[in-house]
């Protein structure tokens, strides 16, 4: 299987938990979704350590016993909550990153829109993002999930750079993708308040990021 054709398969595998139950009844499916929504709210409000399965069950308006019919423990539901959060962000952000949108004057507008979508997604769930990053530093499965989504994003960006820039301008698309990916993600995290106060207005920071990305991809290299 080639690298290009394997990317969608890898994405599908990352987006879907192979352990997710199959439901014969709509009521059971609704309960499962209610538990995930309740867990997301609980983790965002109280963090991972301070959240217990009784808290999640109470928010979902079910018994603790019902919780354990669907999940082994709070760690399992946390991973599913994180998976869905990352998948939603990936789909929203990558949707506009197609080669035909990087033609002529439209390219800067496309970059600006992508930066806006990325920053808005991170800012929408800053508490959950913070908990996820913390857990990725201490839980191997959460860390693996983070790496999987980061790999998908960098791979998608590498493919885009390869298709829209000549090698005379960007000799190493993969290395460029890594640097630009980190710059974009860390800027979005900073603007969401994950690293403390930001010294410049958010609009100025986003405009500067757009300029950096535009120049990195489309400016002629120095002689």
Protein backbone atom coordinates (compact mmCIF):
# COMPACT_ATOMS: atom_id res chain seq x y z
CA UNK A 1 0.00 0.00 0.00
CA UNK A 2 1.47 3.39 -1.01
CA UNK A 3 1.85 6.30 1.40
CA UNK A 4 -0.78 8.31 -0.49
CA UNK A 5 -3.42 5.60 -0.53
CA UNK A 6 -2.74 4.55 3.05
CA UNK A 7 -3.47 7.99 4.51
CA UNK A 8 -7.31 7.72 4.35
CA UNK A 9 -7.16 4.24 5.85
CA UNK A 10 -4.98 5.44 8.70
CA UNK A 11 -7.28 8.41 9.29
CA UNK A 12 -10.33 6.16 9.45
CA UNK A 13 -8.56 3.89 11.93
CA UNK A 14 -7.65 6.82 14.17
CA UNK A 15 -11.10 8.40 14.02
CA UNK A 16 -12.97 5.28 15.14
CA UNK A 17 -12.39 3.36 18.36
CA UNK A 18 -12.28 -0.36 17.51
CA UNK A 19 -13.61 -1.06 21.00
CA UNK A 20 -16.72 1.07 20.52
CA UNK A 21 -19.87 -1.00 21.12
CA UNK A 22 -22.43 -1.78 18.44
CA UNK A 23 -26.00 -0.95 19.41
CA UNK A 24 -29.08 -2.93 18.54
CA UNK A 25 -31.35 -0.41 20.26
CA UNK A 26 -31.54 3.36 19.75
CA UNK A 27 -32.00 3.88 23.49
CA UNK A 28 -28.65 2.25 24.25
CA UNK A 29 -26.96 4.41 21.66
CA UNK A 30 -28.50 7.54 23.18
CA UNK A 31 -27.24 6.54 26.61
CA UNK A 32 -23.74 5.96 25.24
CA UNK A 33 -23.72 9.39 23.60
CA UNK A 34 -25.10 11.02 26.74
CA UNK A 35 -22.25 9.53 28.77
CA UNK A 36 -19.68 10.85 26.31
CA UNK A 37 -21.23 14.32 26.39
CA UNK A 38 -21.36 14.24 30.18
CA UNK A 39 -17.75 13.08 30.41
CA UNK A 40 -16.62 15.85 28.07
CA UNK A 41 -18.31 18.47 30.25
CA UNK A 42 -16.96 16.95 33.46
CA UNK A 43 -13.35 16.70 32.26
CA UNK A 44 -13.45 20.26 30.90
CA UNK A 45 -14.90 21.61 34.14
CA UNK A 46 -12.93 19.66 36.74
CA UNK A 47 -9.96 18.06 34.99
CA UNK A 48 -9.18 14.37 34.75
CA UNK A 49 -8.08 13.57 38.29
CA UNK A 50 -10.97 15.36 40.01
CA UNK A 51 -13.58 13.70 37.81
CA UNK A 52 -14.98 10.37 38.92
CA UNK A 53 -17.37 7.95 37.27
CA UNK A 54 -20.17 9.04 39.67
CA UNK A 55 -19.72 12.62 38.40
CA UNK A 56 -20.07 11.50 34.79
CA UNK A 57 -23.07 9.30 35.56
CA UNK A 58 -24.78 12.11 37.46
CA UNK A 59 -24.32 14.55 34.58
CA UNK A 60 -25.70 11.94 32.17
CA UNK A 61 -28.59 11.22 34.56
CA UNK A 62 -27.87 7.51 34.75
CA UNK A 63 -26.60 5.20 37.46
CA UNK A 64 -22.94 4.37 37.97
CA UNK A 65 -23.81 0.81 37.07
CA UNK A 66 -25.11 2.00 33.72
CA UNK A 67 -21.81 3.80 33.12
CA UNK A 68 -19.93 0.52 33.56
CA UNK A 69 -22.11 -1.22 31.00
CA UNK A 70 -20.52 0.99 28.35
CA UNK A 71 -17.03 1.82 29.65
CA UNK A 72 -14.45 -0.02 31.71
CA UNK A 73 -13.39 3.15 33.55
CA UNK A 74 -13.13 6.92 33.19
CA UNK A 75 -9.88 6.56 31.25
CA UNK A 76 -11.66 4.76 28.43
CA UNK A 77 -14.33 7.45 28.11
CA UNK A 78 -11.69 10.18 28.31
CA UNK A 79 -9.87 8.67 25.34
CA UNK A 80 -13.09 8.54 23.34
CA UNK A 81 -13.90 12.16 24.24
CA UNK A 82 -10.40 13.17 23.15
CA UNK A 83 -10.65 11.17 19.93
CA UNK A 84 -13.86 12.93 18.95
CA UNK A 85 -12.48 16.35 19.84
CA UNK A 86 -9.38 15.78 17.71
CA UNK A 87 -11.35 14.30 14.82
CA UNK A 88 -13.71 17.27 14.73
CA UNK A 89 -10.79 19.67 14.65
CA UNK A 90 -8.94 17.71 11.98
CA UNK A 91 -11.95 17.61 9.68
CA UNK A 92 -12.79 21.31 10.11
CA UNK A 93 -9.21 22.49 9.61
CA UNK A 94 -8.18 20.18 6.79
CA UNK A 95 -11.40 20.62 4.82
CA UNK A 96 -10.14 23.81 3.18
CA UNK A 97 -6.57 22.67 2.55
CA UNK A 98 -6.90 21.60 -1.08
CA UNK A 99 -4.41 22.55 -3.82
CA UNK A 100 -6.95 24.41 -5.96
CA UNK A 101 -7.50 26.92 -3.14
CA UNK A 102 -3.86 28.03 -3.27
CA UNK A 103 -3.94 29.73 -6.66
CA UNK A 104 -3.15 33.43 -7.09
CA UNK A 105 -4.55 35.89 -4.60
CA UNK A 106 -6.79 33.26 -3.05
CA UNK A 107 -3.85 31.59 -1.34
CA UNK A 108 -3.45 34.19 1.44
CA UNK A 109 -7.20 34.22 2.07
CA UNK A 110 -7.12 30.42 2.30
CA UNK A 111 -4.26 30.52 4.79
CA UNK A 112 -6.06 33.19 6.84
CA UNK A 113 -9.27 31.17 6.91
CA UNK A 114 -7.41 28.03 7.99
CA UNK A 115 -5.69 29.95 10.80
CA UNK A 116 -9.06 31.33 11.93
CA UNK A 117 -10.64 27.87 11.96
CA UNK A 118 -7.71 26.36 13.88
CA UNK A 119 -7.68 29.13 16.49
CA UNK A 120 -11.46 29.03 16.87
CA UNK A 121 -11.45 25.26 17.40
CA UNK A 122 -8.79 25.40 20.12
CA UNK A 123 -10.42 28.42 21.77
CA UNK A 124 -13.82 26.69 21.80
CA UNK A 125 -12.59 23.96 24.17
CA UNK A 126 -9.52 25.38 25.93
CA UNK A 127 -10.07 23.49 29.17
CA UNK A 128 -10.44 20.15 27.39
CA UNK A 129 -7.37 20.91 25.29
CA UNK A 130 -5.37 21.60 28.44
CA UNK A 131 -6.49 18.37 30.10
CA UNK A 132 -5.71 16.41 26.94
CA UNK A 133 -2.17 17.79 26.70
CA UNK A 134 -1.56 17.04 30.37
CA UNK A 135 -2.81 13.47 29.98
CA UNK A 136 -0.73 12.93 26.85
CA UNK A 137 2.37 13.48 28.97
CA UNK A 138 1.50 10.74 31.45
CA UNK A 139 -0.71 8.19 29.71
CA UNK A 140 0.78 6.12 26.87
CA UNK A 141 -2.53 5.57 25.08
CA UNK A 142 -3.42 9.26 25.15
CA UNK A 143 0.10 10.06 23.96
CA UNK A 144 -0.32 7.59 21.09
CA UNK A 145 -3.62 9.20 20.13
CA UNK A 146 -1.99 12.64 20.12
CA UNK A 147 0.88 11.38 17.96
CA UNK A 148 -1.53 9.73 15.54
CA UNK A 149 -3.45 12.95 14.94
CA UNK A 150 -0.26 15.01 14.75
CA UNK A 151 1.11 12.55 12.18
CA UNK A 152 -2.07 12.81 10.11
CA UNK A 153 -1.93 16.61 10.16
CA UNK A 154 1.73 16.77 9.21
CA UNK A 155 1.27 14.17 6.48
CA UNK A 156 -1.64 16.07 5.01
CA UNK A 157 0.34 19.31 5.13
CA UNK A 158 3.37 17.64 3.53
CA UNK A 159 1.22 16.39 0.65
CA UNK A 160 -0.26 19.85 0.19
CA UNK A 161 3.14 21.59 0.16
CA UNK A 162 4.47 19.00 -2.28
CA UNK A 163 1.62 19.71 -4.69
CA UNK A 164 1.56 23.52 -4.52
CA UNK A 165 5.24 24.48 -4.25
CA UNK A 166 8.20 23.68 -6.53
CA UNK A 167 11.24 22.03 -4.93
CA UNK A 168 13.34 25.05 -5.91
CA UNK A 169 11.24 27.08 -3.45
CA UNK A 170 10.60 24.45 -0.76
CA UNK A 171 13.30 21.78 -1.06
CA UNK A 172 12.03 19.66 1.85
CA UNK A 173 8.21 19.62 2.13
CA UNK A 174 8.20 17.20 5.07
CA UNK A 175 10.55 19.31 7.21
CA UNK A 176 8.69 22.48 6.25
CA UNK A 177 5.39 20.83 7.18
CA UNK A 178 6.72 19.93 10.64
CA UNK A 179 7.86 23.48 11.37
CA UNK A 180 4.71 25.15 10.03
CA UNK A 181 2.47 22.66 11.82
CA UNK A 182 4.16 23.36 15.15
CA UNK A 183 4.03 27.12 14.57
CA UNK A 184 0.31 27.03 13.80
CA UNK A 185 -0.71 24.67 16.60
CA UNK A 186 1.37 26.43 19.26
CA UNK A 187 0.08 29.85 18.20
CA UNK A 188 -3.50 28.62 18.45
CA UNK A 189 -2.79 27.14 21.89
CA UNK A 190 -1.20 30.38 23.09
CA UNK A 191 -4.12 32.49 21.84
CA UNK A 192 -6.51 30.17 23.68
CA UNK A 193 -4.68 30.99 26.91
CA UNK A 194 -3.03 27.61 27.38
CA UNK A 195 0.39 29.19 27.98
CA UNK A 196 -0.70 32.23 29.97
CA UNK A 197 -1.35 35.80 28.81
CA UNK A 198 -0.37 36.73 25.25
CA UNK A 199 1.65 39.92 24.82
CA UNK A 200 -0.03 41.04 21.58
CA UNK A 201 -3.66 41.20 20.39
CA UNK A 202 -4.99 37.96 18.96
CA UNK A 203 -5.72 39.58 15.57
CA UNK A 204 -2.12 40.75 15.28
CA UNK A 205 -0.75 37.33 16.21
CA UNK A 206 -2.96 35.59 13.65
CA UNK A 207 -2.01 38.10 10.95
CA UNK A 208 1.67 37.52 11.71
CA UNK A 209 1.18 33.75 11.53
CA UNK A 210 -0.55 34.10 8.15
CA UNK A 211 2.41 36.13 6.87
CA UNK A 212 4.90 33.55 8.14
CA UNK A 213 3.03 30.70 6.45
CA UNK A 214 2.59 32.63 3.21
CA UNK A 215 6.24 33.60 3.00
CA UNK A 216 7.46 30.13 3.92
CA UNK A 217 5.46 28.58 1.11
CA UNK A 218 5.44 31.18 -1.64
CA UNK A 219 8.36 33.61 -1.25
CA UNK A 220 11.41 33.02 -3.40
CA UNK A 221 14.40 31.66 -1.46
CA UNK A 222 17.38 33.98 -0.95
CA UNK A 223 20.17 33.65 -3.51
